[in-house]
């Protein structure tokens, strides 16, 4: 999977994850709503050049291409060949000629400076290994006055991951939450340090009740993915703690949250929008 890219173990794990998700990725409305919000907040318009990072099955890229028209251009990049195959099939059916999909590592892109009016990134940026350095690279790709729009789940999102973090902290292990960036304050600071201006962070509430058993069953997957983190130190720490004891604590904490309706799985979402200065500044 993703053999055309020279990926480290961490990113290969992510590529494999999305390979497994590819056939069902477009089911449900949440991801589509996230894509539409980013397009709305970034104010894409006719004839612009757009970079869609972590394009997946192409939802943002395709809708952007329909907005910008023949005078514009959209490039969508992703680690997953399977996701890109689905995206390419979509544009063939729609007959879109102003969108291109590329297999690429979002932290290793090499576009010219000042190439894009908009950079959008849904469901992807929090997986980046070096978030600040990556943002600074993307900043260079934007034209002066260009806009970046990124989505991330809030710190409270995905109850299984939230409880896992709280359990592991007891053992002195601070687990970087996957697929999110941090608090609103952390996001604000990150984008300021990358050089962006006029930063606006919007919050939208999502969530649903899920069964107790379904969350408990996430234990193996959560631990497995954590153990394939980019951090060798984290791997060493995970191997040194009593996992059976930690699992018992994980399940006990979930038991306390259980109600007749199930367990509330918060999916609160943050949308971060920033602008590059009208005057090119070094970052």
C-alpha atoms as a PDB file:
ATOM      1  CA  UNK A   1       0.000   0.000   0.000  1.00  0.00           C
ATOM      2  CA  UNK A   2       1.349   3.404  -1.007  1.00  0.00           C
ATOM      3  CA  UNK A   3       4.515   1.679  -2.326  1.00  0.00           C
ATOM      4  CA  UNK A   4       5.210   4.598  -4.636  1.00  0.00           C
ATOM      5  CA  UNK A   5       5.977   6.809  -1.648  1.00  0.00           C
ATOM      6  CA  UNK A   6       8.896   6.401   0.732  1.00  0.00           C
ATOM      7  CA  UNK A   7       6.881   6.456   3.954  1.00  0.00           C
ATOM      8  CA  UNK A   8       8.107   5.884   7.484  1.00  0.00           C
ATOM      9  CA  UNK A   9       6.274   3.374   9.690  1.00  0.00           C
ATOM     10  CA  UNK A  10       3.988   6.025  11.187  1.00  0.00           C
ATOM     11  CA  UNK A  11       2.780   7.323   7.838  1.00  0.00           C
ATOM     12  CA  UNK A  12       2.528   3.853   6.347  1.00  0.00           C
ATOM     13  CA  UNK A  13       0.215   3.012   9.223  1.00  0.00           C
ATOM     14  CA  UNK A  14      -1.956   6.017   8.353  1.00  0.00           C
ATOM     15  CA  UNK A  15      -1.993   5.111   4.655  1.00  0.00           C
ATOM     16  CA  UNK A  16      -3.066   1.566   5.551  1.00  0.00           C
ATOM     17  CA  UNK A  17      -5.791   2.912   7.829  1.00  0.00           C
ATOM     18  CA  UNK A  18      -7.310   4.916   4.987  1.00  0.00           C
ATOM     19  CA  UNK A  19      -6.917   2.005   2.598  1.00  0.00           C
ATOM     20  CA  UNK A  20      -9.260   0.069   4.881  1.00  0.00           C
ATOM     21  CA  UNK A  21     -11.653   3.018   5.081  1.00  0.00           C
ATOM     22  CA  UNK A  22     -11.671   3.859   1.379  1.00  0.00           C
ATOM     23  CA  UNK A  23     -14.749   1.903   0.247  1.00  0.00           C
ATOM     24  CA  UNK A  24     -16.984   3.253   3.016  1.00  0.00           C
ATOM     25  CA  UNK A  25     -15.409   6.687   3.363  1.00  0.00           C
ATOM     26  CA  UNK A  26     -18.235   8.571   1.677  1.00  0.00           C
ATOM     27  CA  UNK A  27     -20.961   7.056   3.862  1.00  0.00           C
ATOM     28  CA  UNK A  28     -22.635   9.399   6.328  1.00  0.00           C
ATOM     29  CA  UNK A  29     -22.987  13.168   6.277  1.00  0.00           C
ATOM     30  CA  UNK A  30     -20.402  14.355   8.809  1.00  0.00           C
ATOM     31  CA  UNK A  31     -17.362  14.334   6.517  1.00  0.00           C
ATOM     32  CA  UNK A  32     -19.353  15.972   3.721  1.00  0.00           C
ATOM     33  CA  UNK A  33     -20.546  18.672   6.121  1.00  0.00           C
ATOM     34  CA  UNK A  34     -16.957  19.323   7.205  1.00  0.00           C
ATOM     35  CA  UNK A  35     -15.865  19.721   3.579  1.00  0.00           C
ATOM     36  CA  UNK A  36     -18.715  22.115   2.813  1.00  0.00           C
ATOM     37  CA  UNK A  37     -17.930  24.208   5.879  1.00  0.00           C
ATOM     38  CA  UNK A  38     -14.277  24.589   4.891  1.00  0.00           C
ATOM     39  CA  UNK A  39     -15.276  25.682   1.405  1.00  0.00           C
ATOM     40  CA  UNK A  40     -17.762  28.143   2.860  1.00  0.00           C
ATOM     41  CA  UNK A  41     -15.337  29.591   5.427  1.00  0.00           C
ATOM     42  CA  UNK A  42     -12.462  29.894   2.936  1.00  0.00           C
ATOM     43  CA  UNK A  43     -14.672  31.792   0.460  1.00  0.00           C
ATOM     44  CA  UNK A  44     -13.497  30.045  -2.675  1.00  0.00           C
ATOM     45  CA  UNK A  45     -14.437  31.938  -5.822  1.00  0.00           C
ATOM     46  CA  UNK A  46     -14.142  31.837  -9.601  1.00  0.00           C
ATOM     47  CA  UNK A  47     -10.734  31.309 -11.272  1.00  0.00           C
ATOM     48  CA  UNK A  48      -8.807  30.644  -8.077  1.00  0.00           C
ATOM     49  CA  UNK A  49      -6.074  28.045  -7.641  1.00  0.00           C
ATOM     50  CA  UNK A  50      -6.811  25.647  -4.776  1.00  0.00           C
ATOM     51  CA  UNK A  51      -4.704  23.018  -2.989  1.00  0.00           C
ATOM     52  CA  UNK A  52      -6.716  20.332  -1.180  1.00  0.00           C
ATOM     53  CA  UNK A  53      -4.445  18.474   1.238  1.00  0.00           C
ATOM     54  CA  UNK A  54      -5.565  15.031   2.324  1.00  0.00           C
ATOM     55  CA  UNK A  55      -8.156  15.081  -0.426  1.00  0.00           C
ATOM     56  CA  UNK A  56      -9.277  11.494   0.244  1.00  0.00           C
ATOM     57  CA  UNK A  57     -12.080  10.649  -2.163  1.00  0.00           C
ATOM     58  CA  UNK A  58     -12.011  14.197  -3.536  1.00  0.00           C
ATOM     59  CA  UNK A  59     -15.054  15.821  -1.941  1.00  0.00           C
ATOM     60  CA  UNK A  60     -13.460  19.226  -1.307  1.00  0.00           C
ATOM     61  CA  UNK A  61     -11.493  19.188  -4.559  1.00  0.00           C
ATOM     62  CA  UNK A  62     -14.540  18.396  -6.692  1.00  0.00           C
ATOM     63  CA  UNK A  63     -16.833  20.953  -5.092  1.00  0.00           C
ATOM     64  CA  UNK A  64     -14.060  23.563  -5.317  1.00  0.00           C
ATOM     65  CA  UNK A  65     -13.497  22.743  -8.982  1.00  0.00           C
ATOM     66  CA  UNK A  66     -17.175  23.303  -9.704  1.00  0.00           C
ATOM     67  CA  UNK A  67     -17.004  26.726  -8.023  1.00  0.00           C
ATOM     68  CA  UNK A  68     -13.793  28.040  -9.619  1.00  0.00           C
ATOM     69  CA  UNK A  69     -14.723  27.055 -13.177  1.00  0.00           C
ATOM     70  CA  UNK A  70     -12.517  26.619 -16.228  1.00  0.00           C
ATOM     71  CA  UNK A  71     -10.264  29.564 -15.321  1.00  0.00           C
ATOM     72  CA  UNK A  72      -9.145  27.964 -12.066  1.00  0.00           C
ATOM     73  CA  UNK A  73      -7.268  24.859 -10.996  1.00  0.00           C
ATOM     74  CA  UNK A  74      -7.551  22.418  -8.078  1.00  0.00           C
ATOM     75  CA  UNK A  75      -4.837  20.004  -6.993  1.00  0.00           C
ATOM     76  CA  UNK A  76      -5.771  17.317  -4.470  1.00  0.00           C
ATOM     77  CA  UNK A  77      -3.022  15.343  -2.718  1.00  0.00           C
ATOM     78  CA  UNK A  78      -3.222  12.231  -0.532  1.00  0.00           C
ATOM     79  CA  UNK A  79      -1.130   9.309   0.797  1.00  0.00           C
ATOM     80  CA  UNK A  80      -3.684   6.691  -0.188  1.00  0.00           C
ATOM     81  CA  UNK A  81      -3.723   5.350  -3.748  1.00  0.00           C
ATOM     82  CA  UNK A  82      -7.092   3.712  -3.082  1.00  0.00           C
ATOM     83  CA  UNK A  83      -8.723   6.965  -1.995  1.00  0.00           C
ATOM     84  CA  UNK A  84      -7.286   8.733  -5.031  1.00  0.00           C
ATOM     85  CA  UNK A  85      -8.587   6.044  -7.373  1.00  0.00           C
ATOM     86  CA  UNK A  86     -12.104   6.740  -6.091  1.00  0.00           C
ATOM     87  CA  UNK A  87     -11.582  10.494  -6.500  1.00  0.00           C
ATOM     88  CA  UNK A  88     -10.367  10.070 -10.092  1.00  0.00           C
ATOM     89  CA  UNK A  89     -13.366   7.911 -10.949  1.00  0.00           C
ATOM     90  CA  UNK A  90     -15.621  10.708  -9.692  1.00  0.00           C
ATOM     91  CA  UNK A  91     -14.089  13.394 -11.904  1.00  0.00           C
ATOM     92  CA  UNK A  92     -14.321  11.122 -14.940  1.00  0.00           C
ATOM     93  CA  UNK A  93     -18.052  10.738 -14.362  1.00  0.00           C
ATOM     94  CA  UNK A  94     -18.464  14.483 -13.823  1.00  0.00           C
ATOM     95  CA  UNK A  95     -16.246  15.439 -16.771  1.00  0.00           C
ATOM     96  CA  UNK A  96     -14.155  17.883 -14.718  1.00  0.00           C
ATOM     97  CA  UNK A  97     -10.955  19.036 -16.417  1.00  0.00           C
ATOM     98  CA  UNK A  98      -9.776  21.599 -13.852  1.00  0.00           C
ATOM     99  CA  UNK A  99      -8.871  19.209 -11.032  1.00  0.00           C
ATOM    100  CA  UNK A 100      -5.858  16.922 -10.678  1.00  0.00           C
ATOM    101  CA  UNK A 101      -5.101  14.315  -8.014  1.00  0.00           C
ATOM    102  CA  UNK A 102      -1.551  13.514  -6.917  1.00  0.00           C
ATOM    103  CA  UNK A 103      -0.108  10.821  -4.657  1.00  0.00           C
ATOM    104  CA  UNK A 104       2.043  12.775  -2.203  1.00  0.00           C
ATOM    105  CA  UNK A 105       3.172  13.199   1.390  1.00  0.00           C
ATOM    106  CA  UNK A 106       1.701  16.496   2.583  1.00  0.00           C
ATOM    107  CA  UNK A 107       4.874  17.266   4.551  1.00  0.00           C
ATOM    108  CA  UNK A 108       7.096  16.769   1.496  1.00  0.00           C
ATOM    109  CA  UNK A 109       5.344  18.947  -1.098  1.00  0.00           C
ATOM    110  CA  UNK A 110       7.455  21.060  -3.433  1.00  0.00           C
ATOM    111  CA  UNK A 111       5.182  23.546  -5.168  1.00  0.00           C
ATOM    112  CA  UNK A 112       6.445  26.989  -6.101  1.00  0.00           C
ATOM    113  CA  UNK A 113       5.968  29.850  -3.670  1.00  0.00           C
ATOM    114  CA  UNK A 114       2.811  31.943  -4.125  1.00  0.00           C
ATOM    115  CA  UNK A 115       1.048  29.240  -6.174  1.00  0.00           C
ATOM    116  CA  UNK A 116      -2.376  28.980  -4.521  1.00  0.00           C
ATOM    117  CA  UNK A 117      -5.201  31.298  -3.527  1.00  0.00           C
ATOM    118  CA  UNK A 118      -6.611  28.751  -1.084  1.00  0.00           C
ATOM    119  CA  UNK A 119      -5.300  25.752   0.850  1.00  0.00           C
ATOM    120  CA  UNK A 120      -7.905  23.478   2.449  1.00  0.00           C
ATOM    121  CA  UNK A 121      -7.300  20.494   4.693  1.00  0.00           C
ATOM    122  CA  UNK A 122     -10.053  18.328   6.194  1.00  0.00           C
ATOM    123  CA  UNK A 123      -9.498  15.220   8.352  1.00  0.00           C
ATOM    124  CA  UNK A 124      -5.748  15.307   7.726  1.00  0.00           C
ATOM    125  CA  UNK A 125      -3.624  18.057   9.264  1.00  0.00           C
ATOM    126  CA  UNK A 126      -3.589  16.663  12.816  1.00  0.00           C
ATOM    127  CA  UNK A 127      -1.783  13.549  11.499  1.00  0.00           C
ATOM    128  CA  UNK A 128       1.217  15.689  10.485  1.00  0.00           C
ATOM    129  CA  UNK A 129       4.413  14.808  12.354  1.00  0.00           C
ATOM    130  CA  UNK A 130       5.820  18.340  12.511  1.00  0.00           C
ATOM    131  CA  UNK A 131       2.800  20.595  12.476  1.00  0.00           C
ATOM    132  CA  UNK A 132       4.545  23.961  12.738  1.00  0.00           C
ATOM    133  CA  UNK A 133       7.129  23.192  10.045  1.00  0.00           C
ATOM    134  CA  UNK A 134       4.390  21.856   7.769  1.00  0.00           C
ATOM    135  CA  UNK A 135       2.236  24.943   8.223  1.00  0.00           C
ATOM    136  CA  UNK A 136       5.208  27.144   7.368  1.00  0.00           C
ATOM    137  CA  UNK A 137       5.761  25.209   4.146  1.00  0.00           C
ATOM    138  CA  UNK A 138       2.116  25.565   3.204  1.00  0.00           C
ATOM    139  CA  UNK A 139       2.271  29.270   4.066  1.00  0.00           C
ATOM    140  CA  UNK A 140       4.894  29.705   1.338  1.00  0.00           C
ATOM    141  CA  UNK A 141       2.631  28.036  -1.217  1.00  0.00           C
ATOM    142  CA  UNK A 142      -0.119  30.609  -0.646  1.00  0.00           C
ATOM    143  CA  UNK A 143      -0.251  33.793  -2.657  1.00  0.00           C
ATOM    144  CA  UNK A 144      -0.121  37.039  -0.642  1.00  0.00           C
ATOM    145  CA  UNK A 145      -3.579  37.487   0.851  1.00  0.00           C
ATOM    146  CA  UNK A 146      -4.342  33.788   0.347  1.00  0.00           C
ATOM    147  CA  UNK A 147      -6.386  31.802   2.858  1.00  0.00           C
ATOM    148  CA  UNK A 148      -5.850  28.491   4.625  1.00  0.00           C
ATOM    149  CA  UNK A 149      -8.752  26.559   6.186  1.00  0.00           C
ATOM    150  CA  UNK A 150      -8.194  23.485   8.351  1.00  0.00           C
ATOM    151  CA  UNK A 151     -10.548  21.200  10.273  1.00  0.00           C
ATOM    152  CA  UNK A 152      -9.702  19.329  13.469  1.00  0.00           C
ATOM    153  CA  UNK A 153     -11.775  17.469  16.051  1.00  0.00           C
ATOM    154  CA  UNK A 154     -11.744  19.224  19.416  1.00  0.00           C
ATOM    155  CA  UNK A 155      -9.854  17.807  22.401  1.00  0.00           C
ATOM    156  CA  UNK A 156     -13.122  16.414  23.753  1.00  0.00           C
ATOM    157  CA  UNK A 157     -13.925  14.431  20.604  1.00  0.00           C
ATOM    158  CA  UNK A 158     -14.002  10.609  20.392  1.00  0.00           C
ATOM    159  CA  UNK A 159     -14.694   9.312  23.873  1.00  0.00           C
ATOM    160  CA  UNK A 160     -12.526   6.194  23.508  1.00  0.00           C
ATOM    161  CA  UNK A 161      -9.432   8.279  22.787  1.00  0.00           C
ATOM    162  CA  UNK A 162     -10.271  10.761  25.549  1.00  0.00           C
ATOM    163  CA  UNK A 163     -10.543   7.998  28.162  1.00  0.00           C
ATOM    164  CA  UNK A 164      -7.401   6.250  26.883  1.00  0.00           C
ATOM    165  CA  UNK A 165      -5.403   9.461  27.335  1.00  0.00           C
ATOM    166  CA  UNK A 166      -6.685   9.905  30.882  1.00  0.00           C
ATOM    167  CA  UNK A 167      -5.773   6.308  31.799  1.00  0.00           C
ATOM    168  CA  UNK A 168      -2.273   6.463  30.330  1.00  0.00           C
ATOM    169  CA  UNK A 169      -1.538   9.766  32.057  1.00  0.00           C
ATOM    170  CA  UNK A 170      -1.746   7.850  35.374  1.00  0.00           C
ATOM    171  CA  UNK A 171       1.333   5.936  34.230  1.00  0.00           C
ATOM    172  CA  UNK A 172       3.162   9.113  33.247  1.00  0.00           C
ATOM    173  CA  UNK A 173       2.540   8.592  29.554  1.00  0.00           C
ATOM    174  CA  UNK A 174       1.295  11.639  27.696  1.00  0.00           C
ATOM    175  CA  UNK A 175      -0.358  10.426  24.533  1.00  0.00           C
ATOM    176  CA  UNK A 176      -0.571  12.957  21.729  1.00  0.00           C
ATOM    177  CA  UNK A 177      -4.207  12.719  20.632  1.00  0.00           C
ATOM    178  CA  UNK A 178      -4.471  11.457  17.087  1.00  0.00           C
ATOM    179  CA  UNK A 179      -6.518  13.313  14.505  1.00  0.00           C
ATOM    180  CA  UNK A 180      -6.733  16.603  16.396  1.00  0.00           C
ATOM    181  CA  UNK A 181      -4.454  19.561  17.134  1.00  0.00           C
ATOM    182  CA  UNK A 182      -5.337  20.771  20.609  1.00  0.00           C
ATOM    183  CA  UNK A 183      -7.281  23.456  22.412  1.00  0.00           C
ATOM    184  CA  UNK A 184      -8.475  26.635  20.717  1.00  0.00           C
ATOM    185  CA  UNK A 185      -5.593  28.475  22.392  1.00  0.00           C
ATOM    186  CA  UNK A 186      -3.088  25.903  21.089  1.00  0.00           C
ATOM    187  CA  UNK A 187      -4.475  26.192  17.564  1.00  0.00           C
ATOM    188  CA  UNK A 188      -4.333  29.990  17.675  1.00  0.00           C
ATOM    189  CA  UNK A 189      -0.698  29.972  18.810  1.00  0.00           C
ATOM    190  CA  UNK A 190       0.298  27.400  16.191  1.00  0.00           C
ATOM    191  CA  UNK A 191      -1.101  29.429  13.312  1.00  0.00           C
ATOM    192  CA  UNK A 192       0.353  32.695  14.600  1.00  0.00           C
ATOM    193  CA  UNK A 193       3.795  31.083  14.863  1.00  0.00           C
ATOM    194  CA  UNK A 194       3.451  29.848  11.282  1.00  0.00           C
ATOM    195  CA  UNK A 195       2.950  33.439  10.102  1.00  0.00           C
ATOM    196  CA  UNK A 196      -0.802  33.582   9.509  1.00  0.00           C
ATOM    197  CA  UNK A 197      -2.926  36.627  10.263  1.00  0.00           C
ATOM    198  CA  UNK A 198      -6.645  37.293  10.841  1.00  0.00           C
ATOM    199  CA  UNK A 199      -7.034  33.844  12.417  1.00  0.00           C
ATOM    200  CA  UNK A 200     -10.635  32.847  13.050  1.00  0.00           C
ATOM    201  CA  UNK A 201     -11.541  29.624  14.850  1.00  0.00           C
ATOM    202  CA  UNK A 202     -15.125  28.440  14.605  1.00  0.00           C
ATOM    203  CA  UNK A 203     -16.674  25.639  16.660  1.00  0.00           C
ATOM    204  CA  UNK A 204     -19.520  23.340  15.693  1.00  0.00           C
ATOM    205  CA  UNK A 205     -21.148  20.741  17.926  1.00  0.00           C
ATOM    206  CA  UNK A 206     -21.648  17.189  16.725  1.00  0.00           C
ATOM    207  CA  UNK A 207     -22.009  13.872  18.532  1.00  0.00           C
ATOM    208  CA  UNK A 208     -24.233  10.888  19.225  1.00  0.00           C
ATOM    209  CA  UNK A 209     -24.866   8.153  21.759  1.00  0.00           C
ATOM    210  CA  UNK A 210     -22.957   4.928  21.119  1.00  0.00           C
ATOM    211  CA  UNK A 211     -23.083   1.563  22.853  1.00  0.00           C
ATOM    212  CA  UNK A 212     -20.810   0.764  25.777  1.00  0.00           C
ATOM    213  CA  UNK A 213     -19.551  -2.399  24.096  1.00  0.00           C
ATOM    214  CA  UNK A 214     -18.630  -0.569  20.897  1.00  0.00           C
ATOM    215  CA  UNK A 215     -16.382   1.851  22.785  1.00  0.00           C
ATOM    216  CA  UNK A 216     -14.809  -0.872  24.923  1.00  0.00           C
ATOM    217  CA  UNK A 217     -14.009  -2.811  21.758  1.00  0.00           C
ATOM    218  CA  UNK A 218     -11.845   0.107  20.572  1.00  0.00           C
ATOM    219  CA  UNK A 219      -9.142  -0.691  23.148  1.00  0.00           C
ATOM    220  CA  UNK A 220      -6.997  -2.929  20.948  1.00  0.00           C
ATOM    221  CA  UNK A 221      -7.164  -0.563  18.001  1.00  0.00           C
ATOM    222  CA  UNK A 222      -6.329   2.499  20.074  1.00  0.00           C
ATOM    223  CA  UNK A 223      -3.358   0.840  21.740  1.00  0.00           C
ATOM    224  CA  UNK A 224      -2.190  -0.712  18.487  1.00  0.00           C
ATOM    225  CA  UNK A 225      -2.204   2.604  16.650  1.00  0.00           C
ATOM    226  CA  UNK A 226      -0.530   4.370  19.567  1.00  0.00           C
ATOM    227  CA  UNK A 227       2.244   1.780  19.553  1.00  0.00           C
ATOM    228  CA  UNK A 228       2.968   2.618  15.919  1.00  0.00           C
ATOM    229  CA  UNK A 229       3.374   6.289  16.693  1.00  0.00           C
ATOM    230  CA  UNK A 230       6.264   8.297  15.264  1.00  0.00           C
ATOM    231  CA  UNK A 231       7.723   8.421  18.770  1.00  0.00           C
ATOM    232  CA  UNK A 232      10.086   5.582  19.737  1.00  0.00           C
ATOM    233  CA  UNK A 233       9.930   6.894  23.291  1.00  0.00           C
ATOM    234  CA  UNK A 234       6.157   6.379  23.336  1.00  0.00           C
ATOM    235  CA  UNK A 235       6.577   2.828  22.074  1.00  0.00           C
ATOM    236  CA  UNK A 236       9.069   2.108  24.855  1.00  0.00           C
ATOM    237  CA  UNK A 237       6.765   3.579  27.483  1.00  0.00           C
ATOM    238  CA  UNK A 238       3.766   1.599  26.277  1.00  0.00           C
ATOM    239  CA  UNK A 239       5.738  -1.631  26.528  1.00  0.00           C
ATOM    240  CA  UNK A 240       6.678  -0.862  30.138  1.00  0.00           C
ATOM    241  CA  UNK A 241       3.200  -0.272  31.599  1.00  0.00           C
ATOM    242  CA  UNK A 242       0.775  -2.996  32.779  1.00  0.00           C
ATOM    243  CA  UNK A 243      -1.599  -2.970  29.819  1.00  0.00           C
ATOM    244  CA  UNK A 244      -4.047  -5.460  31.356  1.00  0.00           C
ATOM    245  CA  UNK A 245      -4.423  -3.194  34.385  1.00  0.00           C
ATOM    246  CA  UNK A 246      -4.758  -0.131  32.160  1.00  0.00           C
ATOM    247  CA  UNK A 247      -7.462  -1.852  30.110  1.00  0.00           C
ATOM    248  CA  UNK A 248      -9.439  -2.625  33.267  1.00  0.00           C
ATOM    249  CA  UNK A 249      -9.258   1.052  34.243  1.00  0.00           C
ATOM    250  CA  UNK A 250     -10.274   2.068  30.710  1.00  0.00           C
ATOM    251  CA  UNK A 251     -13.387  -0.089  30.905  1.00  0.00           C
ATOM    252  CA  UNK A 252     -14.224   1.040  34.446  1.00  0.00           C
ATOM    253  CA  UNK A 253     -14.146   4.702  33.415  1.00  0.00           C
ATOM    254  CA  UNK A 254     -16.476   3.928  30.511  1.00  0.00           C
ATOM    255  CA  UNK A 255     -18.839   2.040  32.831  1.00  0.00           C
ATOM    256  CA  UNK A 256     -19.223   5.207  34.908  1.00  0.00           C
ATOM    257  CA  UNK A 257     -20.232   7.190  31.810  1.00  0.00           C
ATOM    258  CA  UNK A 258     -22.823   4.660  30.664  1.00  0.00           C
ATOM    259  CA  UNK A 259     -26.489   5.723  30.664  1.00  0.00           C
ATOM    260  CA  UNK A 260     -29.700   4.181  29.388  1.00  0.00           C
ATOM    261  CA  UNK A 261     -29.072   5.925  26.071  1.00  0.00           C
ATOM    262  CA  UNK A 262     -25.505   4.685  25.859  1.00  0.00           C
ATOM    263  CA  UNK A 263     -22.300   6.749  26.053  1.00  0.00           C
ATOM    264  CA  UNK A 264     -22.181  10.225  24.577  1.00  0.00           C
ATOM    265  CA  UNK A 265     -19.502  10.345  21.875  1.00  0.00           C
ATOM    266  CA  UNK A 266     -18.639  14.008  21.450  1.00  0.00           C
ATOM    267  CA  UNK A 267     -17.564  15.006  17.936  1.00  0.00           C
ATOM    268  CA  UNK A 268     -17.134  18.750  18.435  1.00  0.00           C
ATOM    269  CA  UNK A 269     -15.250  20.204  15.475  1.00  0.00           C
ATOM    270  CA  UNK A 270     -12.948  23.213  15.093  1.00  0.00           C
ATOM    271  CA  UNK A 271     -12.507  25.105  11.832  1.00  0.00           C
ATOM    272  CA  UNK A 272      -9.344  27.227  11.723  1.00  0.00           C
ATOM    273  CA  UNK A 273      -9.099  29.906   9.049  1.00  0.00           C
ATOM    274  CA  UNK A 274      -6.026  32.092   8.578  1.00  0.00           C
ATOM    275  CA  UNK A 275      -4.701  34.500   5.986  1.00  0.00           C
ATOM    276  CA  UNK A 276      -1.251  35.113   4.548  1.00  0.00           C
ATOM    277  CA  UNK A 277      -0.154  38.745   4.680  1.00  0.00           C
ATOM    278  CA  UNK A 278      -0.670  40.813   1.554  1.00  0.00           C
ATOM    279  CA  UNK A 279       3.069  41.511   1.774  1.00  0.00           C
ATOM    280  CA  UNK A 280       5.373  38.505   1.556  1.00  0.00           C
ATOM    281  CA  UNK A 281       7.177  38.085   4.876  1.00  0.00           C
ATOM    282  CA  UNK A 282       9.819  35.523   5.835  1.00  0.00           C
ATOM    283  CA  UNK A 283       8.554  32.913   8.316  1.00  0.00           C
END
